[in-house]
Amino acid sequence: LYLQMNSLKPEDTAVYYCNANPLPVLYNGRDYY
Protein backbone atom coordinates (compact mmCIF):
# COMPACT_ATOMS: atom_id res chain seq x y z
CA LEU A 1 0.00 0.00 0.00
CA TYR A 2 1.26 3.50 -0.78
CA LEU A 3 0.53 7.07 0.24
CA GLN A 4 2.00 9.75 -2.00
CA MET A 5 2.09 13.02 -0.08
CA ASN A 6 2.73 16.25 -1.95
CA SER A 7 2.66 19.91 -0.90
CA LEU A 8 3.26 18.89 2.68
CA LYS A 9 2.37 21.30 5.47
CA PRO A 10 3.60 21.50 9.07
CA GLU A 11 0.14 20.38 10.20
CA ASP A 12 0.73 17.07 8.38
CA THR A 13 3.33 16.20 11.03
CA ALA A 14 2.24 12.96 12.69
CA VAL A 15 2.86 9.25 12.99
CA TYR A 16 1.23 7.58 10.00
CA TYR A 17 -0.31 4.13 10.31
CA CYS A 18 -1.68 1.73 7.74
CA ASN A 19 -4.70 -0.41 8.49
CA ALA A 20 -6.33 -3.46 6.93
CA ASN A 21 -9.98 -4.53 7.04
CA PRO A 22 -11.43 -7.65 5.40
CA LEU A 23 -14.74 -5.81 5.07
CA PRO A 24 -15.25 -3.68 1.94
CA VAL A 25 -15.43 0.09 1.88
CA LEU A 26 -18.98 1.32 2.32
CA TYR A 27 -21.02 3.63 0.10
CA ASN A 28 -24.24 5.31 1.22
CA GLY A 29 -25.15 6.71 -2.17
CA ARG A 30 -23.21 9.89 -1.68
CA ASP A 31 -20.04 9.25 0.33
CA TYR A 32 -17.60 6.41 0.83
CA TYR A 33 -16.66 5.21 4.30
Full PDB file with SEQRES, HELIX, SHEET, SSBOND, CRYST1, ORIGX, SCALE, CONECT and MASTER records, all heavy atoms in Angstrom:
SEQRES   1 A   33  LEU TYR LEU GLN MET ASN SER LEU LYS PRO GLU ASP THR          
SEQRES   2 A   33  ALA VAL TYR TYR CYS ASN ALA ASN PRO LEU PRO VAL LEU          
SEQRES   3 A   33  TYR ASN GLY ARG ASP TYR TYR                                  
HELIX    1 AA1 PRO A   10  ASP A   12  5                                   3    
CRYST1    1.000    1.000    1.000  90.00  90.00  90.00 P 1           1          
ORIGX1      1.000000  0.000000  0.000000        0.00000                         
ORIGX2      0.000000  1.000000  0.000000        0.00000                         
ORIGX3      0.000000  0.000000  1.000000        0.00000                         
SCALE1      1.000000  0.000000  0.000000        0.00000                         
SCALE2      0.000000  1.000000  0.000000        0.00000                         
SCALE3      0.000000  0.000000  1.000000        0.00000                         
ATOM      1  N   LEU A   1       0.864  -1.178   0.000  1.00  0.00           N  
ATOM      2  CA  LEU A   1       0.000   0.000   0.000  1.00  0.00           C  
ATOM      3  C   LEU A   1       0.903   1.231   0.000  1.00  0.00           C  
ATOM      4  O   LEU A   1       1.971   1.231   0.620  1.00  0.00           O  
ATOM      5  CB  LEU A   1      -0.871  -0.004   1.257  1.00  0.00           C  
ATOM      6  CG  LEU A   1      -1.761   1.203   1.516  1.00  0.00           C  
ATOM      7  CD1 LEU A   1      -2.943   1.186   0.545  1.00  0.00           C  
ATOM      8  CD2 LEU A   1      -2.245   1.191   2.957  1.00  0.00           C  
ATOM      9  N   TYR A   2       0.466   2.283  -0.691  1.00  0.00           N  
ATOM     10  CA  TYR A   2       1.264   3.504  -0.780  1.00  0.00           C  
ATOM     11  C   TYR A   2       0.438   4.728  -0.387  1.00  0.00           C  
ATOM     12  O   TYR A   2      -0.789   4.729  -0.498  1.00  0.00           O  
ATOM     13  CB  TYR A   2       1.775   3.718  -2.210  1.00  0.00           C  
ATOM     14  CG  TYR A   2       2.601   2.580  -2.749  1.00  0.00           C  
ATOM     15  CD1 TYR A   2       2.036   1.643  -3.608  1.00  0.00           C  
ATOM     16  CD2 TYR A   2       3.940   2.444  -2.400  1.00  0.00           C  
ATOM     17  CE1 TYR A   2       2.784   0.590  -4.112  1.00  0.00           C  
ATOM     18  CE2 TYR A   2       4.697   1.392  -2.892  1.00  0.00           C  
ATOM     19  CZ  TYR A   2       4.109   0.471  -3.739  1.00  0.00           C  
ATOM     20  OH  TYR A   2       4.865  -0.574  -4.226  1.00  0.00           O  
ATOM     21  N   LEU A   3       1.147   5.757   0.036  1.00  0.00           N  
ATOM     22  CA  LEU A   3       0.534   7.067   0.237  1.00  0.00           C  
ATOM     23  C   LEU A   3       1.511   8.108  -0.281  1.00  0.00           C  
ATOM     24  O   LEU A   3       2.564   8.342   0.325  1.00  0.00           O  
ATOM     25  CB  LEU A   3       0.221   7.333   1.708  1.00  0.00           C  
ATOM     26  CG  LEU A   3      -0.526   8.643   1.978  1.00  0.00           C  
ATOM     27  CD1 LEU A   3      -1.944   8.568   1.397  1.00  0.00           C  
ATOM     28  CD2 LEU A   3      -0.581   8.958   3.474  1.00  0.00           C  
ATOM     29  N   GLN A   4       1.191   8.678  -1.432  1.00  0.00           N  
ATOM     30  CA  GLN A   4       2.003   9.753  -1.995  1.00  0.00           C  
ATOM     31  C   GLN A   4       1.528  11.066  -1.398  1.00  0.00           C  
ATOM     32  O   GLN A   4       0.359  11.414  -1.523  1.00  0.00           O  
ATOM     33  CB  GLN A   4       1.869   9.784  -3.518  1.00  0.00           C  
ATOM     34  CG  GLN A   4       2.645  10.904  -4.194  1.00  0.00           C  
ATOM     35  CD  GLN A   4       4.134  10.735  -4.050  1.00  0.00           C  
ATOM     36  OE1 GLN A   4       4.670   9.657  -4.235  1.00  0.00           O  
ATOM     37  NE2 GLN A   4       4.826  11.837  -3.732  1.00  0.00           N  
ATOM     38  N   MET A   5       2.450  11.776  -0.767  1.00  0.00           N  
ATOM     39  CA  MET A   5       2.095  13.017  -0.079  1.00  0.00           C  
ATOM     40  C   MET A   5       2.869  14.172  -0.717  1.00  0.00           C  
ATOM     41  O   MET A   5       4.101  14.189  -0.685  1.00  0.00           O  
ATOM     42  CB  MET A   5       2.446  12.904   1.412  1.00  0.00           C  
ATOM     43  CG  MET A   5       1.799  11.715   2.097  1.00  0.00           C  
ATOM     44  SD  MET A   5       2.063  11.702   3.880  1.00  0.00           S  
ATOM     45  CE  MET A   5       3.827  11.507   3.941  1.00  0.00           C  
ATOM     46  N   ASN A   6       2.141  15.083  -1.310  1.00  0.00           N  
ATOM     47  CA  ASN A   6       2.731  16.251  -1.949  1.00  0.00           C  
ATOM     48  C   ASN A   6       2.298  17.525  -1.225  1.00  0.00           C  
ATOM     49  O   ASN A   6       1.338  17.519  -0.449  1.00  0.00           O  
ATOM     50  CB  ASN A   6       2.315  16.322  -3.418  1.00  0.00           C  
ATOM     51  CG  ASN A   6       2.765  15.135  -4.226  1.00  0.00           C  
ATOM     52  OD1 ASN A   6       3.822  14.545  -3.966  1.00  0.00           O  
ATOM     53  ND2 ASN A   6       1.974  14.755  -5.209  1.00  0.00           N  
ATOM     54  N   SER A   7       2.999  18.612  -1.494  1.00  0.00           N  
ATOM     55  CA  SER A   7       2.663  19.914  -0.899  1.00  0.00           C  
ATOM     56  C   SER A   7       2.458  19.797   0.607  1.00  0.00           C  
ATOM     57  O   SER A   7       1.466  20.281   1.158  1.00  0.00           O  
ATOM     58  CB  SER A   7       1.398  20.480  -1.564  1.00  0.00           C  
ATOM     59  OG  SER A   7       1.571  20.621  -2.956  1.00  0.00           O  
ATOM     60  N   LEU A   8       3.399  19.146   1.249  1.00  0.00           N  
ATOM     61  CA  LEU A   8       3.257  18.889   2.680  1.00  0.00           C  
ATOM     62  C   LEU A   8       3.271  20.177   3.492  1.00  0.00           C  
ATOM     63  O   LEU A   8       3.950  21.157   3.138  1.00  0.00           O  
ATOM     64  CB  LEU A   8       4.374  17.960   3.155  1.00  0.00           C  
ATOM     65  CG  LEU A   8       4.152  16.490   2.800  1.00  0.00           C  
ATOM     66  CD1 LEU A   8       5.447  15.697   2.846  1.00  0.00           C  
ATOM     67  CD2 LEU A   8       3.113  15.880   3.729  1.00  0.00           C  
ATOM     68  N   LYS A   9       2.500  20.156   4.569  1.00  0.00           N  
ATOM     69  CA  LYS A   9       2.372  21.303   5.468  1.00  0.00           C  
ATOM     70  C   LYS A   9       2.814  20.897   6.876  1.00  0.00           C  
ATOM     71  O   LYS A   9       2.757  19.716   7.228  1.00  0.00           O  
ATOM     72  CB  LYS A   9       0.908  21.753   5.525  1.00  0.00           C  
ATOM     73  CG  LYS A   9       0.298  22.089   4.176  1.00  0.00           C  
ATOM     74  CD  LYS A   9      -1.183  22.404   4.323  1.00  0.00           C  
ATOM     75  CE  LYS A   9      -1.821  22.724   2.984  1.00  0.00           C  
ATOM     76  NZ  LYS A   9      -3.276  23.021   3.129  1.00  0.00           N  
ATOM     77  N   PRO A  10       3.221  21.850   7.693  1.00  0.00           N  
ATOM     78  CA  PRO A  10       3.603  21.501   9.074  1.00  0.00           C  
ATOM     79  C   PRO A  10       2.495  20.759   9.817  1.00  0.00           C  
ATOM     80  O   PRO A  10       2.786  19.886  10.651  1.00  0.00           O  
ATOM     81  CB  PRO A  10       3.887  22.867   9.705  1.00  0.00           C  
ATOM     82  CG  PRO A  10       4.357  23.708   8.562  1.00  0.00           C  
ATOM     83  CD  PRO A  10       3.522  23.263   7.380  1.00  0.00           C  
ATOM     84  N   GLU A  11       1.253  21.066   9.511  1.00  0.00           N  
ATOM     85  CA  GLU A  11       0.144  20.382  10.197  1.00  0.00           C  
ATOM     86  C   GLU A  11      -0.031  18.931   9.755  1.00  0.00           C  
ATOM     87  O   GLU A  11      -0.850  18.211  10.324  1.00  0.00           O  
ATOM     88  CB  GLU A  11      -1.173  21.147  10.005  1.00  0.00           C  
ATOM     89  CG  GLU A  11      -1.491  21.487   8.567  1.00  0.00           C  
ATOM     90  CD  GLU A  11      -1.077  22.901   8.205  1.00  0.00           C  
ATOM     91  OE1 GLU A  11       0.048  23.313   8.575  1.00  0.00           O  
ATOM     92  OE2 GLU A  11      -1.878  23.592   7.522  1.00  0.00           O  
ATOM     93  N   ASP A  12       0.727  18.486   8.767  1.00  0.00           N  
ATOM     94  CA  ASP A  12       0.729  17.074   8.382  1.00  0.00           C  
ATOM     95  C   ASP A  12       1.659  16.250   9.265  1.00  0.00           C  
ATOM     96  O   ASP A  12       1.707  15.018   9.154  1.00  0.00           O  
ATOM     97  CB  ASP A  12       1.162  16.910   6.922  1.00  0.00           C  
ATOM     98  CG  ASP A  12       0.173  17.517   5.949  1.00  0.00           C  
ATOM     99  OD1 ASP A  12      -1.044  17.374   6.153  1.00  0.00           O  
ATOM    100  OD2 ASP A  12       0.634  18.149   4.969  1.00  0.00           O  
ATOM    101  N   THR A  13       2.416  16.908  10.136  1.00  0.00           N  
ATOM    102  CA  THR A  13       3.331  16.200  11.028  1.00  0.00           C  
ATOM    103  C   THR A  13       2.557  15.253  11.944  1.00  0.00           C  
ATOM    104  O   THR A  13       1.616  15.663  12.625  1.00  0.00           O  
ATOM    105  CB  THR A  13       4.128  17.208  11.875  1.00  0.00           C  
ATOM    106  OG1 THR A  13       4.972  17.966  11.016  1.00  0.00           O  
ATOM    107  CG2 THR A  13       4.979  16.494  12.918  1.00  0.00           C  
ATOM    108  N   ALA A  14       2.946  13.984  11.917  1.00  0.00           N  
ATOM    109  CA  ALA A  14       2.237  12.958  12.688  1.00  0.00           C  
ATOM    110  C   ALA A  14       2.931  11.615  12.481  1.00  0.00           C  
ATOM    111  O   ALA A  14       3.804  11.485  11.616  1.00  0.00           O  
ATOM    112  CB  ALA A  14       0.780  12.855  12.244  1.00  0.00           C  
ATOM    113  N   VAL A  15       2.512  10.645  13.274  1.00  0.00           N  
ATOM    114  CA  VAL A  15       2.864   9.250  12.994  1.00  0.00           C  
ATOM    115  C   VAL A  15       1.769   8.700  12.092  1.00  0.00           C  
ATOM    116  O   VAL A  15       0.577   8.832  12.403  1.00  0.00           O  
ATOM    117  CB  VAL A  15       2.969   8.422  14.285  1.00  0.00           C  
ATOM    118  CG1 VAL A  15       3.288   6.974  13.944  1.00  0.00           C  
ATOM    119  CG2 VAL A  15       4.036   9.005  15.199  1.00  0.00           C  
ATOM    120  N   TYR A  16       2.171   8.112  10.987  1.00  0.00           N  
ATOM    121  CA  TYR A  16       1.235   7.581  10.001  1.00  0.00           C  
ATOM    122  C   TYR A  16       1.167   6.057  10.119  1.00  0.00           C  
ATOM    123  O   TYR A  16       2.208   5.391  10.174  1.00  0.00           O  
ATOM    124  CB  TYR A  16       1.663   7.980   8.601  1.00  0.00           C  
ATOM    125  CG  TYR A  16       1.342   9.427   8.287  1.00  0.00           C  
ATOM    126  CD1 TYR A  16       2.054  10.460   8.891  1.00  0.00           C  
ATOM    127  CD2 TYR A  16       0.308   9.767   7.415  1.00  0.00           C  
ATOM    128  CE1 TYR A  16       1.748  11.791   8.631  1.00  0.00           C  
ATOM    129  CE2 TYR A  16       0.006  11.088   7.144  1.00  0.00           C  
ATOM    130  CZ  TYR A  16       0.728  12.094   7.764  1.00  0.00           C  
ATOM    131  OH  TYR A  16       0.418  13.411   7.505  1.00  0.00           O  
ATOM    132  N   TYR A  17      -0.070   5.554  10.150  1.00  0.00           N  
ATOM    133  CA  TYR A  17      -0.310   4.133  10.307  1.00  0.00           C  
ATOM    134  C   TYR A  17      -1.122   3.595   9.132  1.00  0.00           C  
ATOM    135  O   TYR A  17      -2.055   4.260   8.656  1.00  0.00           O  
ATOM    136  CB  TYR A  17      -1.125   3.864  11.577  1.00  0.00           C  
ATOM    137  CG  TYR A  17      -0.479   4.305  12.858  1.00  0.00           C  
ATOM    138  CD1 TYR A  17      -0.676   5.592  13.358  1.00  0.00           C  
ATOM    139  CD2 TYR A  17       0.319   3.432  13.602  1.00  0.00           C  
ATOM    140  CE1 TYR A  17      -0.092   6.003  14.547  1.00  0.00           C  
ATOM    141  CE2 TYR A  17       0.902   3.840  14.791  1.00  0.00           C  
ATOM    142  CZ  TYR A  17       0.690   5.122  15.250  1.00  0.00           C  
ATOM    143  OH  TYR A  17       1.275   5.526  16.434  1.00  0.00           O  
ATOM    144  N   CYS A  18      -0.806   2.379   8.705  1.00  0.00           N  
ATOM    145  CA  CYS A  18      -1.684   1.730   7.735  1.00  0.00           C  
ATOM    146  C   CYS A  18      -2.559   0.719   8.477  1.00  0.00           C  
ATOM    147  O   CYS A  18      -2.213   0.249   9.566  1.00  0.00           O  
ATOM    148  CB  CYS A  18      -0.907   1.067   6.608  1.00  0.00           C  
ATOM    149  SG  CYS A  18       0.211  -0.250   7.097  1.00  0.00           S  
ATOM    150  N   ASN A  19      -3.685   0.447   7.865  1.00  0.00           N  
ATOM    151  CA  ASN A  19      -4.695  -0.415   8.493  1.00  0.00           C  
ATOM    152  C   ASN A  19      -5.320  -1.306   7.437  1.00  0.00           C  
ATOM    153  O   ASN A  19      -5.474  -0.908   6.276  1.00  0.00           O  
ATOM    154  CB  ASN A  19      -5.774   0.454   9.139  1.00  0.00           C  
ATOM    155  CG  ASN A  19      -6.888  -0.361   9.743  1.00  0.00           C  
ATOM    156  OD1 ASN A  19      -7.893  -0.634   9.083  1.00  0.00           O  
ATOM    157  ND2 ASN A  19      -6.725  -0.767  10.981  1.00  0.00           N  
ATOM    158  N   ALA A  20      -5.699  -2.510   7.847  1.00  0.00           N  
ATOM    159  CA  ALA A  20      -6.335  -3.456   6.935  1.00  0.00           C  
ATOM    160  C   ALA A  20      -7.666  -3.922   7.508  1.00  0.00           C  
ATOM    161  O   ALA A  20      -7.788  -4.148   8.720  1.00  0.00           O  
ATOM    162  CB  ALA A  20      -5.422  -4.667   6.706  1.00  0.00           C  
ATOM    163  N   ASN A  21      -8.653  -4.058   6.631  1.00  0.00           N  
ATOM    164  CA  ASN A  21      -9.979  -4.530   7.037  1.00  0.00           C  
ATOM    165  C   ASN A  21     -10.508  -5.491   5.980  1.00  0.00           C  
ATOM    166  O   ASN A  21     -10.596  -5.129   4.808  1.00  0.00           O  
ATOM    167  CB  ASN A  21     -10.927  -3.337   7.195  1.00  0.00           C  
ATOM    168  CG  ASN A  21     -12.219  -3.727   7.908  1.00  0.00           C  
ATOM    169  OD1 ASN A  21     -12.606  -4.887   7.919  1.00  0.00           O  
ATOM    170  ND2 ASN A  21     -12.871  -2.754   8.514  1.00  0.00           N  
ATOM    171  N   PRO A  22     -10.895  -6.707   6.382  1.00  0.00           N  
ATOM    172  CA  PRO A  22     -11.431  -7.652   5.396  1.00  0.00           C  
ATOM    173  C   PRO A  22     -12.797  -7.226   4.862  1.00  0.00           C  
ATOM    174  O   PRO A  22     -13.231  -7.729   3.814  1.00  0.00           O  
ATOM    175  CB  PRO A  22     -11.526  -8.965   6.178  1.00  0.00           C  
ATOM    176  CG  PRO A  22     -11.601  -8.557   7.603  1.00  0.00           C  
ATOM    177  CD  PRO A  22     -10.778  -7.310   7.713  1.00  0.00           C  
ATOM    178  N   LEU A  23     -13.454  -6.304   5.555  1.00  0.00           N  
ATOM    179  CA  LEU A  23     -14.736  -5.807   5.068  1.00  0.00           C  
ATOM    180  C   LEU A  23     -14.504  -4.769   3.969  1.00  0.00           C  
ATOM    181  O   LEU A  23     -13.512  -4.050   3.990  1.00  0.00           O  
ATOM    182  CB  LEU A  23     -15.527  -5.184   6.206  1.00  0.00           C  
ATOM    183  CG  LEU A  23     -15.892  -6.123   7.357  1.00  0.00           C  
ATOM    184  CD1 LEU A  23     -16.617  -5.363   8.447  1.00  0.00           C  
ATOM    185  CD2 LEU A  23     -16.746  -7.275   6.849  1.00  0.00           C  
ATOM    186  N   PRO A  24     -15.419  -4.641   3.023  1.00  0.00           N  
ATOM    187  CA  PRO A  24     -15.246  -3.676   1.937  1.00  0.00           C  
ATOM    188  C   PRO A  24     -15.506  -2.247   2.406  1.00  0.00           C  
ATOM    189  O   PRO A  24     -16.098  -2.017   3.449  1.00  0.00           O  
ATOM    190  CB  PRO A  24     -16.303  -4.110   0.918  1.00  0.00           C  
ATOM    191  CG  PRO A  24     -17.367  -4.745   1.736  1.00  0.00           C  
ATOM    192  CD  PRO A  24     -16.653  -5.438   2.856  1.00  0.00           C  
ATOM    193  N   VAL A  25     -15.061  -1.285   1.607  1.00  0.00           N  
ATOM    194  CA  VAL A  25     -15.426   0.092   1.879  1.00  0.00           C  
ATOM    195  C   VAL A  25     -16.937   0.214   1.674  1.00  0.00           C  
ATOM    196  O   VAL A  25     -17.548  -0.549   0.916  1.00  0.00           O  
ATOM    197  CB  VAL A  25     -14.672   1.082   0.966  1.00  0.00           C  
ATOM    198  CG1 VAL A  25     -13.174   0.946   1.176  1.00  0.00           C  
ATOM    199  CG2 VAL A  25     -15.009   0.844  -0.494  1.00  0.00           C  
ATOM    200  N   LEU A  26     -17.536   1.155   2.361  1.00  0.00           N  
ATOM    201  CA  LEU A  26     -18.983   1.315   2.322  1.00  0.00           C  
ATOM    202  C   LEU A  26     -19.362   2.560   1.519  1.00  0.00           C  
ATOM    203  O   LEU A  26     -18.620   3.544   1.484  1.00  0.00           O  
ATOM    204  CB  LEU A  26     -19.527   1.439   3.749  1.00  0.00           C  
ATOM    205  CG  LEU A  26     -19.207   0.275   4.687  1.00  0.00           C  
ATOM    206  CD1 LEU A  26     -19.725   0.566   6.078  1.00  0.00           C  
ATOM    207  CD2 LEU A  26     -19.784  -1.017   4.146  1.00  0.00           C  
ATOM    208  N   TYR A  27     -20.537   2.496   0.889  1.00  0.00           N  
ATOM    209  CA  TYR A  27     -21.021   3.631   0.101  1.00  0.00           C  
ATOM    210  C   TYR A  27     -22.484   3.826   0.432  1.00  0.00           C  
ATOM    211  O   TYR A  27     -23.280   2.889   0.354  1.00  0.00           O  
ATOM    212  CB  TYR A  27     -20.834   3.346  -1.388  1.00  0.00           C  
ATOM    213  CG  TYR A  27     -21.260   4.476  -2.292  1.00  0.00           C  
ATOM    214  CD1 TYR A  27     -20.624   5.712  -2.216  1.00  0.00           C  
ATOM    215  CD2 TYR A  27     -22.278   4.302  -3.221  1.00  0.00           C  
ATOM    216  CE1 TYR A  27     -21.000   6.752  -3.049  1.00  0.00           C  
ATOM    217  CE2 TYR A  27     -22.659   5.334  -4.059  1.00  0.00           C  
ATOM    218  CZ  TYR A  27     -22.013   6.557  -3.970  1.00  0.00           C  
ATOM    219  OH  TYR A  27     -22.372   7.596  -4.790  1.00  0.00           O  
ATOM    220  N   ASN A  28     -22.854   5.058   0.824  1.00  0.00           N  
ATOM    221  CA  ASN A  28     -24.241   5.312   1.222  1.00  0.00           C  
ATOM    222  C   ASN A  28     -25.030   6.030   0.125  1.00  0.00           C  
ATOM    223  O   ASN A  28     -26.103   6.556   0.385  1.00  0.00           O  
ATOM    224  CB  ASN A  28     -24.277   6.139   2.514  1.00  0.00           C  
ATOM    225  CG  ASN A  28     -23.749   7.549   2.324  1.00  0.00           C  
ATOM    226  OD1 ASN A  28     -23.306   7.921   1.234  1.00  0.00           O  
ATOM    227  ND2 ASN A  28     -23.791   8.345   3.379  1.00  0.00           N  
ATOM    228  N   GLY A  29     -24.483   6.042  -1.065  1.00  0.00           N  
ATOM    229  CA  GLY A  29     -25.152   6.711  -2.170  1.00  0.00           C  
ATOM    230  C   GLY A  29     -24.579   8.086  -2.460  1.00  0.00           C  
ATOM    231  O   GLY A  29     -24.832   8.651  -3.523  1.00  0.00           O  
ATOM    232  N   ARG A  30     -23.809   8.585  -1.480  1.00  0.00           N  
ATOM    233  CA  ARG A  30     -23.206   9.893  -1.681  1.00  0.00           C  
ATOM    234  C   ARG A  30     -21.723   9.886  -1.297  1.00  0.00           C  
ATOM    235  O   ARG A  30     -20.892  10.455  -2.001  1.00  0.00           O  
ATOM    236  CB  ARG A  30     -23.930  10.954  -0.859  1.00  0.00           C  
ATOM    237  CG  ARG A  30     -23.503  12.380  -1.191  1.00  0.00           C  
ATOM    238  CD  ARG A  30     -24.174  13.398  -0.290  1.00  0.00           C  
ATOM    239  NE  ARG A  30     -23.575  13.433   1.037  1.00  0.00           N  
ATOM    240  CZ  ARG A  30     -23.904  14.340   1.958  1.00  0.00           C  
ATOM    241  NH1 ARG A  30     -24.831  15.238   1.712  1.00  0.00           N  
ATOM    242  NH2 ARG A  30     -23.321  14.329   3.142  1.00  0.00           N  
ATOM    243  N   ASP A  31     -21.406   9.260  -0.184  1.00  0.00           N  
ATOM    244  CA  ASP A  31     -20.040   9.252   0.334  1.00  0.00           C  
ATOM    245  C   ASP A  31     -19.561   7.830   0.560  1.00  0.00           C  
ATOM    246  O   ASP A  31     -20.348   6.922   0.820  1.00  0.00           O  
ATOM    247  CB  ASP A  31     -19.961  10.024   1.653  1.00  0.00           C  
ATOM    248  CG  ASP A  31     -20.333  11.472   1.499  1.00  0.00           C  
ATOM    249  OD1 ASP A  31     -19.767  12.141   0.600  1.00  0.00           O  
ATOM    250  OD2 ASP A  31     -21.195  11.947   2.262  1.00  0.00           O  
ATOM    251  N   TYR A  32     -18.241   7.680   0.485  1.00  0.00           N  
ATOM    252  CA  TYR A  32     -17.602   6.414   0.829  1.00  0.00           C  
ATOM    253  C   TYR A  32     -17.130   6.478   2.288  1.00  0.00           C  
ATOM    254  O   TYR A  32     -16.772   7.552   2.795  1.00  0.00           O  
ATOM    255  CB  TYR A  32     -16.407   6.149  -0.085  1.00  0.00           C  
ATOM    256  CG  TYR A  32     -16.795   5.714  -1.468  1.00  0.00           C  
ATOM    257  CD1 TYR A  32     -16.863   6.635  -2.513  1.00  0.00           C  
ATOM    258  CD2 TYR A  32     -17.104   4.389  -1.746  1.00  0.00           C  
ATOM    259  CE1 TYR A  32     -17.215   6.235  -3.793  1.00  0.00           C  
ATOM    260  CE2 TYR A  32     -17.450   3.994  -3.032  1.00  0.00           C  
ATOM    261  CZ  TYR A  32     -17.515   4.930  -4.034  1.00  0.00           C  
ATOM    262  OH  TYR A  32     -17.872   4.526  -5.295  1.00  0.00           O  
ATOM    263  N   TYR A  33     -17.096   5.310   2.921  1.00  0.00           N  
ATOM    264  CA  TYR A  33     -16.656   5.214   4.302  1.00  0.00           C  
ATOM    265  C   TYR A  33     -15.711   4.025   4.442  1.00  0.00           C  
ATOM    266  O   TYR A  33     -15.864   3.013   3.767  1.00  0.00           O  
ATOM    267  CB  TYR A  33     -17.847   5.013   5.248  1.00  0.00           C  
ATOM    268  CG  TYR A  33     -18.780   6.192   5.306  1.00  0.00           C  
ATOM    269  CD1 TYR A  33     -19.864   6.263   4.427  1.00  0.00           C  
ATOM    270  CD2 TYR A  33     -18.569   7.230   6.193  1.00  0.00           C  
ATOM    271  CE1 TYR A  33     -20.724   7.345   4.459  1.00  0.00           C  
ATOM    272  CE2 TYR A  33     -19.421   8.315   6.233  1.00  0.00           C  
ATOM    273  CZ  TYR A  33     -20.501   8.364   5.363  1.00  0.00           C  
ATOM    274  OH  TYR A  33     -21.340   9.449   5.389  1.00  0.00           O  
TER     275      TYR A  33                                                      
MASTER        0    0    0    1    0    0    0    6  274    1    0    3          
END                                                                             
